[in-house]
C-alpha cells in the first residue's frame, strides 16, 4: 500500500495525550493551539469475547456508557474551540480533523489477559478515531465542496495506512452514521475510523465468498457482480468515468446503494487523488438523492470497505455502501426478530423500484450549495 500525503497535515496532542491531526484543504503551516482543558488520562480496558456458535468476536466496552450524548449545539465537542467553550478541537477553525476517540471501543494497550478456552476472552487491541468533515456544525457530507471531499479522501488514506501498521490490527473500517434514528450521539458532521484486531464478520464473509468464486471461476467476485448489474441495468442509479452507483439485486434495506470502481482496486490508496475525489463526489450525490427522496435530511449509514491490513488483500475490492432505515415518509425499517435474531433480512421495497426512485431524486450538482 502506498500512502498518499494530504495537502497539509499537522499533528499535535490533546490534554490527556490523545493524538489529533489537522488535514487542511490547502498547503499551509499550521501552528496548533494548546488544549487548555484539565483532562485525566483515561484508564479503560475493553475486551474481546468469542462467540463459539457464530464464530465471531464481540467487543465489550462498558466505559462507553459515559460518552457524550446529544449535547446542545453550543456544547458540541466537535465544533472549534472558542474563548468560552474548549472542545476536542483546540483550533478556532479547521478543515478536516482526525483524533483518537475519548470513549474508544478498542485501545492500543488493553490490560485484559487472553483466555484461549471455549469462551475465549482477549484484550481489545486496536484504535478508534473520530474524523470531523467540517468545522460547520450545520453542514452535511452531501454539501461539502469537491476540494473538501478530496481532503477527506486523503485523510482516510493516511489513517488507513498508519493504523494498518499498528501491532495486532487486521482491518480498518471507515464509516459515518447520521441521525438519531441510527443511534448518533453527536450531530456534528463526522465519521469514525475503527482499527480492529480481526476482520469483522461482514467483510470476512465477502472475502471468503470471493475466494471460493476465484477458485471456481478464476476472476474477482466483486468485478463479476458489477458486470452483472451493468448488464441488467435496472438497478443502476448513476455512473461516472470510473465508478458505478447501484442498488444491489439482493438489497437488504429499503434504500441501499453500493458504489464500486470499474477497475479492480483494493483500497483508496490504489486510486489517484482525482479518482478519490470522483468517488467521494458520487458518495455525496447518493446521500443528496436519499435526502431528495424524502424531502429532508434522513438518517443513513455509510461505510468504506477496503482490503484487510494483511490477510486476503488480493481478494479485496474497494466499495462504499450506503443504507437508510427510512422505508417511507415517517416510517423506519426496524431490525426485528427475522433480521436481528435469525439474520434473515426482509426488504419492504423492491430493489428495482428503489433504484428508479433514487434516479428520479438524483441531485442537480450545479444547484448544490457548496
Protein backbone atom coordinates (compact mmCIF):
# COMPACT_ATOMS: atom_id res chain seq x y z
CA UNK A 1 0.00 0.00 0.00
CA UNK A 2 1.34 3.42 -0.96
CA UNK A 3 0.35 6.16 1.44
CA UNK A 4 -0.71 9.36 -0.34
CA UNK A 5 0.05 12.52 1.56
CA UNK A 6 -2.70 15.08 2.14
CA UNK A 7 -2.28 18.69 1.08
CA UNK A 8 -1.27 19.71 4.60
CA UNK A 9 -1.00 17.54 7.71
CA UNK A 10 -0.25 18.84 11.19
CA UNK A 11 -0.06 16.54 14.23
CA UNK A 12 -0.48 17.53 17.85
CA UNK A 13 -1.76 16.11 21.17
CA UNK A 14 -4.75 16.80 23.38
CA UNK A 15 -4.50 17.46 27.12
CA UNK A 16 -4.84 13.77 28.02
CA UNK A 17 -2.24 12.65 25.48
CA UNK A 18 -4.59 11.55 22.68
CA UNK A 19 -3.34 12.28 19.17
CA UNK A 20 -5.03 14.90 16.98
CA UNK A 21 -4.24 15.60 13.31
CA UNK A 22 -5.30 18.57 11.20
CA UNK A 23 -5.74 17.97 7.46
CA UNK A 24 -6.04 21.31 5.67
CA UNK A 25 -7.51 21.75 2.19
CA UNK A 26 -4.52 23.77 1.04
CA UNK A 27 -0.87 23.69 1.92
CA UNK A 28 -0.16 25.88 4.93
CA UNK A 29 1.99 25.91 8.03
CA UNK A 30 -0.42 25.49 10.93
CA UNK A 31 0.67 26.29 14.48
CA UNK A 32 -1.62 24.02 16.54
CA UNK A 33 -3.21 25.60 19.60
CA UNK A 34 -2.70 24.06 23.04
CA UNK A 35 -5.58 22.11 24.58
CA UNK A 36 -6.22 24.04 27.79
CA UNK A 37 -8.64 21.56 29.35
CA UNK A 38 -7.80 19.67 32.52
CA UNK A 39 -8.28 16.09 31.33
CA UNK A 40 -7.16 12.99 33.17
CA UNK A 41 -5.59 10.18 31.17
CA UNK A 42 -8.30 7.59 30.61
CA UNK A 43 -7.93 4.14 32.12
CA UNK A 44 -10.02 1.78 30.03
CA UNK A 45 -9.85 -1.92 29.37
CA UNK A 46 -12.13 -3.14 26.55
CA UNK A 47 -12.42 -6.87 25.97
CA UNK A 48 -12.96 -9.21 23.07
CA UNK A 49 -15.21 -12.18 23.81
CA UNK A 50 -15.54 -15.02 21.34
CA UNK A 51 -18.95 -16.45 20.41
CA UNK A 52 -18.25 -20.10 19.51
CA UNK A 53 -21.71 -20.58 17.99
CA UNK A 54 -21.33 -17.75 15.48
CA UNK A 55 -17.52 -17.88 15.39
CA UNK A 56 -17.41 -14.12 15.87
CA UNK A 57 -15.69 -11.75 18.28
CA UNK A 58 -17.86 -9.38 20.34
CA UNK A 59 -16.36 -6.16 21.72
CA UNK A 60 -17.25 -5.34 25.34
CA UNK A 61 -16.56 -1.68 26.21
CA UNK A 62 -18.65 -0.73 29.24
CA UNK A 63 -16.99 2.68 29.68
CA UNK A 64 -18.81 3.89 26.55
CA UNK A 65 -21.97 4.20 28.64
CA UNK A 66 -20.48 7.50 29.83
CA UNK A 67 -19.89 9.03 26.37
CA UNK A 68 -21.37 12.40 25.46
CA UNK A 69 -24.98 12.06 24.32
CA UNK A 70 -26.74 14.64 22.11
CA UNK A 71 -25.45 17.83 23.74
CA UNK A 72 -26.94 21.21 22.73
CA UNK A 73 -25.24 22.85 19.76
CA UNK A 74 -23.36 25.37 21.91
CA UNK A 75 -21.79 22.48 23.84
CA UNK A 76 -20.83 20.33 20.85
CA UNK A 77 -17.38 18.77 21.48
CA UNK A 78 -16.61 18.60 17.74
CA UNK A 79 -17.02 22.29 16.99
CA UNK A 80 -13.94 24.54 17.05
CA UNK A 81 -12.93 25.88 20.45
CA UNK A 82 -13.86 29.38 21.49
CA UNK A 83 -12.80 31.50 24.47
CA UNK A 84 -15.97 30.40 26.26
CA UNK A 85 -16.00 26.73 25.27
CA UNK A 86 -12.98 24.44 24.91
CA UNK A 87 -13.73 21.38 22.77
CA UNK A 88 -11.94 18.32 21.42
CA UNK A 89 -10.51 20.59 18.69
CA UNK A 90 -8.41 23.41 20.24
CA UNK A 91 -8.31 25.43 16.99
CA UNK A 92 -10.67 28.32 16.27
CA UNK A 93 -11.34 26.82 12.83
CA UNK A 94 -10.38 23.75 10.83
CA UNK A 95 -10.98 21.90 7.56
CA UNK A 96 -10.72 18.19 8.45
CA UNK A 97 -9.61 16.85 11.83
CA UNK A 98 -8.90 13.29 13.00
CA UNK A 99 -8.36 12.49 16.67
CA UNK A 100 -8.39 9.50 18.98
CA UNK A 101 -11.84 8.83 20.39
CA UNK A 102 -12.20 9.77 24.06
CA UNK A 103 -14.51 6.78 24.55
CA UNK A 104 -12.96 4.11 22.31
CA UNK A 105 -14.27 0.58 21.77
CA UNK A 106 -10.68 -0.57 21.23
CA UNK A 107 -7.39 0.68 22.63
CA UNK A 108 -3.72 0.12 21.71
CA UNK A 109 -2.73 -1.20 25.14
CA UNK A 110 -5.51 -3.25 26.77
CA UNK A 111 -4.70 -4.95 30.06
CA UNK A 112 -7.07 -7.93 29.82
CA UNK A 113 -5.28 -11.27 29.76
CA UNK A 114 -6.12 -13.73 27.00
CA UNK A 115 -8.05 -16.93 27.60
CA UNK A 116 -7.91 -19.48 24.78
CA UNK A 117 -10.70 -21.75 26.08
CA UNK A 118 -14.14 -22.28 24.52
CA UNK A 119 -15.36 -18.98 25.99
CA UNK A 120 -12.25 -17.07 24.93
CA UNK A 121 -11.58 -13.57 26.25
CA UNK A 122 -8.86 -11.31 24.89
CA UNK A 123 -7.76 -7.72 25.16
CA UNK A 124 -9.49 -5.25 22.86
CA UNK A 125 -6.38 -4.29 20.92
CA UNK A 126 -6.92 -1.65 18.25
CA UNK A 127 -7.68 2.03 17.87
CA UNK A 128 -10.77 4.19 17.37
CA UNK A 129 -10.61 7.64 15.82
CA UNK A 130 -13.09 10.40 15.01
CA UNK A 131 -12.93 12.20 11.67
CA UNK A 132 -14.63 15.61 11.51
CA UNK A 133 -15.56 16.65 7.97
CA UNK A 134 -16.03 20.35 8.63
CA UNK A 135 -15.98 22.96 11.37
CA UNK A 136 -19.53 23.94 10.31
CA UNK A 137 -21.93 22.26 12.72
CA UNK A 138 -24.90 22.67 10.37
CA UNK A 139 -23.46 21.24 7.15
CA UNK A 140 -23.66 17.70 5.78
CA UNK A 141 -21.41 15.41 3.75
CA UNK A 142 -23.58 15.98 0.68
CA UNK A 143 -22.94 19.74 0.81
CA UNK A 144 -19.15 19.61 1.06
CA UNK A 145 -17.06 21.11 -1.74
CA UNK A 146 -15.08 18.95 -4.14
CA UNK A 147 -11.89 20.28 -2.56
CA UNK A 148 -13.05 19.21 0.90
CA UNK A 149 -14.06 15.77 -0.32
CA UNK A 150 -10.54 15.30 -1.71
CA UNK A 151 -9.07 16.30 1.65
CA UNK A 152 -11.30 13.78 3.42
CA UNK A 153 -10.17 11.08 0.99
CA UNK A 154 -6.52 12.00 1.66
CA UNK A 155 -7.09 11.77 5.41
CA UNK A 156 -8.70 8.32 5.05
CA UNK A 157 -5.75 7.06 3.01
CA UNK A 158 -3.34 8.43 5.59
CA UNK A 159 -5.15 6.92 8.57
CA UNK A 160 -5.73 3.56 6.85
CA UNK A 161 -2.00 3.34 6.13
CA UNK A 162 -0.90 4.35 9.63
CA UNK A 163 -3.45 2.27 11.55
CA UNK A 164 -2.79 -0.83 9.44
CA UNK A 165 0.81 -0.70 10.69
CA UNK A 166 -0.16 -0.91 14.36
CA UNK A 167 0.63 -4.22 16.10
CA UNK A 168 -2.37 -6.53 16.12
CA UNK A 169 -4.52 -4.53 13.68
CA UNK A 170 -6.11 -6.64 10.93
CA UNK A 171 -8.81 -4.38 9.44
CA UNK A 172 -9.51 -0.64 9.20
CA UNK A 173 -13.13 0.42 8.70
CA UNK A 174 -14.25 3.98 7.93
CA UNK A 175 -17.90 4.83 8.45
CA UNK A 176 -20.39 7.64 9.07
CA UNK A 177 -23.70 7.40 10.92
CA UNK A 178 -26.11 10.33 10.58
CA UNK A 179 -29.30 10.86 12.53
CA UNK A 180 -30.70 9.90 15.92
CA UNK A 181 -32.65 7.05 14.31
CA UNK A 182 -29.38 5.18 13.73
CA UNK A 183 -28.01 5.93 17.19
CA UNK A 184 -25.91 9.04 16.56
CA UNK A 185 -24.89 10.76 19.79
CA UNK A 186 -23.32 13.86 18.17
CA UNK A 187 -24.97 15.73 15.30
CA UNK A 188 -21.81 17.49 14.08
CA UNK A 189 -20.84 16.11 10.62
CA UNK A 190 -18.29 13.42 11.36
CA UNK A 191 -17.37 9.81 10.82
CA UNK A 192 -15.33 7.23 12.66
CA UNK A 193 -12.33 5.04 11.89
CA UNK A 194 -12.03 1.67 13.64
CA UNK A 195 -8.84 -0.38 13.55
CA UNK A 196 -9.92 -3.92 14.52
CA UNK A 197 -7.73 -6.80 15.73
CA UNK A 198 -9.77 -9.10 13.49
CA UNK A 199 -11.55 -8.90 10.14
CA UNK A 200 -15.21 -8.11 11.02
CA UNK A 201 -17.84 -10.71 10.05
CA UNK A 202 -19.38 -8.93 7.04
CA UNK A 203 -16.18 -8.15 5.10
CA UNK A 204 -14.76 -11.56 6.08
CA UNK A 205 -17.77 -13.39 4.65
CA UNK A 206 -17.49 -11.38 1.44
CA UNK A 207 -13.79 -12.16 1.13
CA UNK A 208 -14.37 -15.85 1.80
CA UNK A 209 -17.06 -15.88 -0.90
CA UNK A 210 -14.60 -14.13 -3.23
CA UNK A 211 -12.00 -16.81 -2.50
CA UNK A 212 -14.44 -19.59 -3.44
CA UNK A 213 -15.54 -17.73 -6.59
CA UNK A 214 -11.96 -17.20 -7.73
CA UNK A 215 -11.20 -20.87 -7.21
CA UNK A 216 -14.17 -21.86 -9.38
CA UNK A 217 -14.08 -19.07 -12.00
CA UNK A 218 -10.57 -17.58 -11.82
CA UNK A 219 -11.89 -14.00 -11.56
CA UNK A 220 -12.86 -11.39 -8.98
CA UNK A 221 -16.34 -11.87 -7.50
CA UNK A 222 -16.82 -8.14 -6.92
CA UNK A 223 -15.95 -7.37 -10.56
CA UNK A 224 -18.32 -10.10 -11.72
CA UNK A 225 -21.18 -8.69 -9.60
CA UNK A 226 -20.66 -5.21 -11.05
CA UNK A 227 -20.60 -6.61 -14.60
CA UNK A 228 -23.87 -8.44 -13.92
CA UNK A 229 -25.50 -5.29 -12.51
CA UNK A 230 -24.34 -3.25 -15.52
CA UNK A 231 -25.66 -5.88 -17.93
CA UNK A 232 -29.04 -5.94 -16.17
CA UNK A 233 -29.12 -2.15 -15.90
CA UNK A 234 -32.39 -1.79 -13.98
CA UNK A 235 -30.76 -1.02 -10.64
CA UNK A 236 -28.04 1.35 -11.85
CA UNK A 237 -28.51 4.76 -10.24
CA UNK A 238 -25.59 6.74 -11.63
CA UNK A 239 -22.29 6.27 -13.43
CA UNK A 240 -19.14 8.37 -13.62
CA UNK A 241 -15.98 7.73 -15.61
CA UNK A 242 -14.51 5.34 -13.05
CA UNK A 243 -17.35 4.41 -10.67
CA UNK A 244 -20.88 3.00 -10.65
CA UNK A 245 -23.63 3.50 -8.04
CA UNK A 246 -26.33 0.84 -7.95
CA UNK A 247 -28.94 -0.79 -5.74
CA UNK A 248 -27.83 -4.43 -5.31
CA UNK A 249 -30.19 -7.11 -6.59
CA UNK A 250 -30.48 -8.61 -3.10
CA UNK A 251 -30.61 -5.34 -1.18
CA UNK A 252 -31.40 -5.87 2.49
CA UNK A 253 -32.50 -2.30 3.23
CA UNK A 254 -35.37 -0.41 1.54
CA UNK A 255 -32.89 2.10 0.11
CA UNK A 256 -29.40 0.65 -0.17
CA UNK A 257 -26.69 1.76 -2.60
CA UNK A 258 -23.26 0.37 -3.42
CA UNK A 259 -20.58 2.46 -5.13
CA UNK A 260 -17.89 0.41 -6.82
CA UNK A 261 -14.87 1.18 -9.01
CA UNK A 262 -14.99 -0.14 -12.56
CA UNK A 263 -11.33 -1.10 -12.21
CA UNK A 264 -10.11 -3.72 -9.74
CA UNK A 265 -8.59 -1.81 -6.81
CA UNK A 266 -8.19 -2.99 -3.22
CA UNK A 267 -8.45 0.32 -1.37
CA UNK A 268 -8.47 4.11 -1.68
CA UNK A 269 -4.67 4.23 -1.80
CA UNK A 270 -4.81 2.42 -5.16
CA UNK A 271 -6.63 5.41 -6.67
CA UNK A 272 -5.02 8.70 -7.61
CA UNK A 273 -6.22 11.90 -5.98
CA UNK A 274 -8.59 12.85 -8.81
CA UNK A 275 -10.18 9.38 -8.75
CA UNK A 276 -10.63 9.51 -4.98
CA UNK A 277 -12.34 12.88 -5.30
CA UNK A 278 -14.59 11.47 -8.05
CA UNK A 279 -15.58 8.57 -5.78
CA UNK A 280 -16.48 10.76 -2.82
CA UNK A 281 -18.41 13.17 -5.07
CA UNK A 282 -20.55 10.22 -6.14
CA UNK A 283 -20.99 9.25 -2.48
CA UNK A 284 -22.11 12.81 -1.66
CA UNK A 285 -24.61 12.72 -4.53
CA UNK A 286 -26.08 9.42 -3.33
CA UNK A 287 -26.65 10.99 0.10
CA UNK A 288 -28.28 14.01 -1.58
CA UNK A 289 -30.52 11.61 -3.53
CA UNK A 290 -31.52 9.91 -0.26
CA UNK A 291 -32.48 13.31 1.16
CA UNK A 292 -34.27 14.33 -2.02
CA UNK A 293 -36.32 11.14 -1.94
CA UNK A 294 -37.99 12.16 1.32
CA UNK A 295 -37.56 15.94 1.17
CA UNK A 296 -35.47 16.13 4.34
CA UNK A 297 -32.13 15.13 5.84
CA UNK A 298 -32.73 11.45 6.56
CA UNK A 299 -30.77 9.01 8.73
CA UNK A 300 -28.18 6.89 6.97
CA UNK A 301 -25.12 4.70 7.44
CA UNK A 302 -22.17 4.98 5.07
CA UNK A 303 -19.27 2.51 5.13
CA UNK A 304 -15.99 2.29 3.21
CA UNK A 305 -14.87 -1.32 2.75
CA UNK A 306 -11.19 -1.67 1.86
CA UNK A 307 -8.67 -4.51 1.85
CA UNK A 308 -7.61 -6.03 5.19
CA UNK A 309 -4.28 -4.94 6.60
CA UNK A 310 -2.60 -8.29 5.89
CA UNK A 311 -4.82 -11.28 5.12
CA UNK A 312 -6.71 -11.84 1.81
CA UNK A 313 -5.68 -8.48 0.32
CA UNK A 314 -5.53 -9.95 -3.18
CA UNK A 315 -9.25 -10.84 -2.98
CA UNK A 316 -10.48 -7.42 -1.86
CA UNK A 317 -12.27 -4.82 -4.00
CA UNK A 318 -12.91 -1.30 -2.73
CA UNK A 319 -16.56 -0.31 -2.32
CA UNK A 320 -18.74 2.13 -0.41
CA UNK A 321 -22.11 1.04 0.93
CA UNK A 322 -24.86 3.48 1.93
CA UNK A 323 -28.14 2.49 3.56
CA UNK A 324 -31.01 4.26 5.25
CA UNK A 325 -33.56 2.68 7.59
CA UNK A 326 -36.23 5.05 6.20
CA UNK A 327 -38.69 2.93 4.21
CA UNK A 328 -41.43 5.53 3.70
CA UNK A 329 -42.17 9.07 4.89
CA UNK A 330 -42.27 8.96 8.68
CA UNK A 331 -41.61 5.22 8.77
CA UNK A 332 -38.45 3.29 9.67
CA UNK A 333 -37.42 -0.26 8.99
CA UNK A 334 -36.68 -1.92 12.32
CA UNK A 335 -34.46 -4.96 12.55
CA UNK A 336 -36.96 -7.23 14.26
CA UNK A 337 -36.67 -10.94 15.03
CA UNK A 338 -36.18 -12.18 11.47
CA UNK A 339 -33.29 -9.77 10.94
CA UNK A 340 -31.82 -9.46 14.45
CA UNK A 341 -32.45 -12.95 15.77
CA UNK A 342 -32.34 -15.11 12.64
CA UNK A 343 -30.16 -12.91 10.43
CA UNK A 344 -32.68 -13.18 7.57
CA UNK A 345 -33.49 -9.75 6.13
CA UNK A 346 -36.94 -8.88 4.76
CA UNK A 347 -36.91 -5.91 2.38
CA UNK A 348 -40.01 -3.70 2.21
CA UNK A 349 -39.11 -2.10 -1.14
CA UNK A 350 -38.39 -3.91 -4.43
CA UNK A 351 -34.75 -3.02 -5.35
CA UNK A 352 -35.71 -2.03 -8.92
CA UNK A 353 -38.33 0.36 -7.51
CA UNK A 354 -35.81 1.82 -5.06
CA UNK A 355 -33.32 2.42 -7.89
CA UNK A 356 -35.94 4.16 -10.05
CA UNK A 357 -36.93 6.44 -7.18
CA UNK A 358 -33.30 7.32 -6.42
CA UNK A 359 -32.63 8.11 -10.09
CA UNK A 360 -35.66 10.41 -10.05
CA UNK A 361 -34.37 12.25 -6.94
CA UNK A 362 -30.77 12.50 -8.22
CA UNK A 363 -29.37 15.96 -7.36
CA UNK A 364 -28.55 18.66 -9.87
CA UNK A 365 -24.90 19.24 -8.94
CA UNK A 366 -24.95 22.73 -10.45
CA UNK A 367 -27.50 23.78 -7.80
CA UNK A 368 -25.68 22.26 -4.84
CA UNK A 369 -24.94 24.68 -2.03
CA UNK A 370 -21.13 24.29 -1.91
